[in-house]
Amino acid sequence: MENDKKLELGYRLSALYNMISYGVTGFYSDLEANKEKLKEEINDYIGKLK
């Protein structure tokens, strides 16, 4: 059970890094158009990692 939690947190951390890097680079026009949604997702992932 604890291993599952560690895997989940690892996945969330990896996904968070990707969301931040994609948002910062601005390479994806869809992300630029939905920047507020991306910020909400980032904040949600940060909250779950705390």
N, C-alpha and C. Protein backbone atom coordinates (compact mmCIF):
# COMPACT_ATOMS: atom_id res chain seq x y z
N MET A 1 0.82 -1.18 0.00
CA MET A 1 0.00 0.00 0.00
C MET A 1 0.87 1.26 0.00
N GLU A 2 1.93 1.26 0.81
CA GLU A 2 2.81 2.42 0.85
C GLU A 2 3.56 2.58 -0.47
N ASN A 3 3.90 1.47 -1.11
CA ASN A 3 4.56 1.54 -2.41
C ASN A 3 3.64 2.17 -3.45
N ASP A 4 2.34 1.88 -3.37
CA ASP A 4 1.39 2.49 -4.30
C ASP A 4 1.36 4.00 -4.12
N LYS A 5 1.39 4.45 -2.88
CA LYS A 5 1.38 5.89 -2.60
C LYS A 5 2.65 6.54 -3.14
N LYS A 6 3.79 5.87 -2.96
CA LYS A 6 5.05 6.41 -3.48
C LYS A 6 5.02 6.48 -5.00
N LEU A 7 4.48 5.45 -5.64
CA LEU A 7 4.38 5.47 -7.10
C LEU A 7 3.46 6.60 -7.57
N GLU A 8 2.35 6.78 -6.86
CA GLU A 8 1.42 7.85 -7.21
C GLU A 8 2.09 9.21 -7.09
N LEU A 9 2.80 9.43 -5.98
CA LEU A 9 3.47 10.71 -5.79
C LEU A 9 4.56 10.93 -6.83
N GLY A 10 5.28 9.87 -7.18
CA GLY A 10 6.31 9.97 -8.22
C GLY A 10 5.71 10.34 -9.56
N TYR A 11 4.59 9.72 -9.88
CA TYR A 11 3.90 10.03 -11.13
C TYR A 11 3.44 11.49 -11.14
N ARG A 12 2.86 11.94 -10.04
CA ARG A 12 2.38 13.32 -9.96
C ARG A 12 3.52 14.31 -10.09
N LEU A 13 4.64 14.01 -9.45
CA LEU A 13 5.80 14.91 -9.53
C LEU A 13 6.32 14.98 -10.96
N SER A 14 6.42 13.85 -11.61
CA SER A 14 6.86 13.83 -13.00
C SER A 14 5.91 14.60 -13.90
N ALA A 15 4.62 14.39 -13.71
CA ALA A 15 3.62 15.10 -14.50
C ALA A 15 3.69 16.60 -14.23
N LEU A 16 3.93 16.97 -12.98
CA LEU A 16 4.03 18.39 -12.63
C LEU A 16 5.21 19.03 -13.34
N TYR A 17 6.35 18.38 -13.35
CA TYR A 17 7.52 18.91 -14.07
C TYR A 17 7.19 19.13 -15.54
N ASN A 18 6.51 18.16 -16.15
CA ASN A 18 6.15 18.29 -17.56
C ASN A 18 5.19 19.45 -17.78
N MET A 19 4.18 19.57 -16.94
CA MET A 19 3.22 20.67 -17.10
C MET A 19 3.91 22.02 -16.98
N ILE A 20 4.80 22.14 -16.01
CA ILE A 20 5.50 23.41 -15.82
C ILE A 20 6.41 23.70 -17.01
N SER A 21 7.18 22.71 -17.45
CA SER A 21 8.10 22.96 -18.56
C SER A 21 7.36 23.27 -19.85
N TYR A 22 6.27 22.57 -20.12
CA TYR A 22 5.50 22.85 -21.33
C TYR A 22 4.88 24.24 -21.26
N GLY A 23 4.40 24.62 -20.08
CA GLY A 23 3.77 25.93 -19.93
C GLY A 23 4.77 27.06 -20.04
N VAL A 24 5.96 26.87 -19.49
CA VAL A 24 6.98 27.91 -19.50
C VAL A 24 7.55 28.12 -20.91
N THR A 25 7.76 27.04 -21.64
CA THR A 25 8.37 27.17 -22.96
C THR A 25 7.44 27.80 -23.97
N GLY A 26 6.13 27.60 -23.81
CA GLY A 26 5.17 28.17 -24.75
C GLY A 26 5.21 27.53 -26.12
N PHE A 27 5.80 26.35 -26.24
CA PHE A 27 5.90 25.68 -27.53
C PHE A 27 4.56 25.18 -28.06
N TYR A 28 3.64 24.97 -27.16
CA TYR A 28 2.36 24.39 -27.55
C TYR A 28 1.27 25.45 -27.54
N SER A 29 0.74 25.76 -28.69
CA SER A 29 -0.27 26.82 -28.79
C SER A 29 -1.52 26.49 -28.00
N ASP A 30 -1.89 25.22 -27.92
CA ASP A 30 -3.06 24.83 -27.13
C ASP A 30 -2.86 25.15 -25.65
N LEU A 31 -1.64 24.98 -25.17
CA LEU A 31 -1.37 25.31 -23.78
C LEU A 31 -1.43 26.81 -23.56
N GLU A 32 -0.93 27.57 -24.50
CA GLU A 32 -1.00 29.02 -24.39
C GLU A 32 -2.45 29.48 -24.35
N ALA A 33 -3.29 28.87 -25.16
CA ALA A 33 -4.70 29.24 -25.21
C ALA A 33 -5.42 28.84 -23.93
N ASN A 34 -4.91 27.85 -23.22
CA ASN A 34 -5.55 27.34 -21.99
C ASN A 34 -4.65 27.49 -20.77
N LYS A 35 -3.91 28.59 -20.74
CA LYS A 35 -2.92 28.79 -19.69
C LYS A 35 -3.54 28.79 -18.28
N GLU A 36 -4.73 29.34 -18.13
CA GLU A 36 -5.38 29.35 -16.81
C GLU A 36 -5.72 27.94 -16.35
N LYS A 37 -6.20 27.11 -17.26
CA LYS A 37 -6.50 25.71 -16.92
C LYS A 37 -5.23 25.00 -16.51
N LEU A 38 -4.13 25.25 -17.21
CA LEU A 38 -2.84 24.65 -16.87
C LEU A 38 -2.41 25.08 -15.47
N LYS A 39 -2.57 26.36 -15.15
CA LYS A 39 -2.21 26.84 -13.82
C LYS A 39 -3.05 26.14 -12.74
N GLU A 40 -4.33 25.94 -13.01
CA GLU A 40 -5.20 25.23 -12.06
C GLU A 40 -4.71 23.80 -11.85
N GLU A 41 -4.36 23.13 -12.93
CA GLU A 41 -3.87 21.75 -12.83
C GLU A 41 -2.57 21.69 -12.04
N ILE A 42 -1.67 22.63 -12.29
CA ILE A 42 -0.40 22.67 -11.57
C ILE A 42 -0.65 22.86 -10.08
N ASN A 43 -1.53 23.79 -9.74
CA ASN A 43 -1.84 24.03 -8.33
C ASN A 43 -2.49 22.81 -7.69
N ASP A 44 -3.33 22.11 -8.43
CA ASP A 44 -3.96 20.89 -7.92
C ASP A 44 -2.91 19.81 -7.63
N TYR A 45 -1.98 19.62 -8.56
CA TYR A 45 -0.93 18.62 -8.36
C TYR A 45 -0.03 19.00 -7.18
N ILE A 46 0.30 20.28 -7.05
CA ILE A 46 1.13 20.72 -5.93
C ILE A 46 0.41 20.44 -4.63
N GLY A 47 -0.89 20.72 -4.58
CA GLY A 47 -1.67 20.46 -3.37
C GLY A 47 -1.67 19.00 -2.99
N LYS A 48 -1.74 18.12 -3.98
CA LYS A 48 -1.75 16.69 -3.70
C LYS A 48 -0.39 16.16 -3.30
N LEU A 49 0.66 16.86 -3.67
CA LEU A 49 2.01 16.43 -3.31
C LEU A 49 2.41 16.88 -1.92
N LYS A 50 1.71 17.84 -1.38
CA LYS A 50 2.06 18.34 -0.03
C LYS A 50 1.75 17.34 1.03
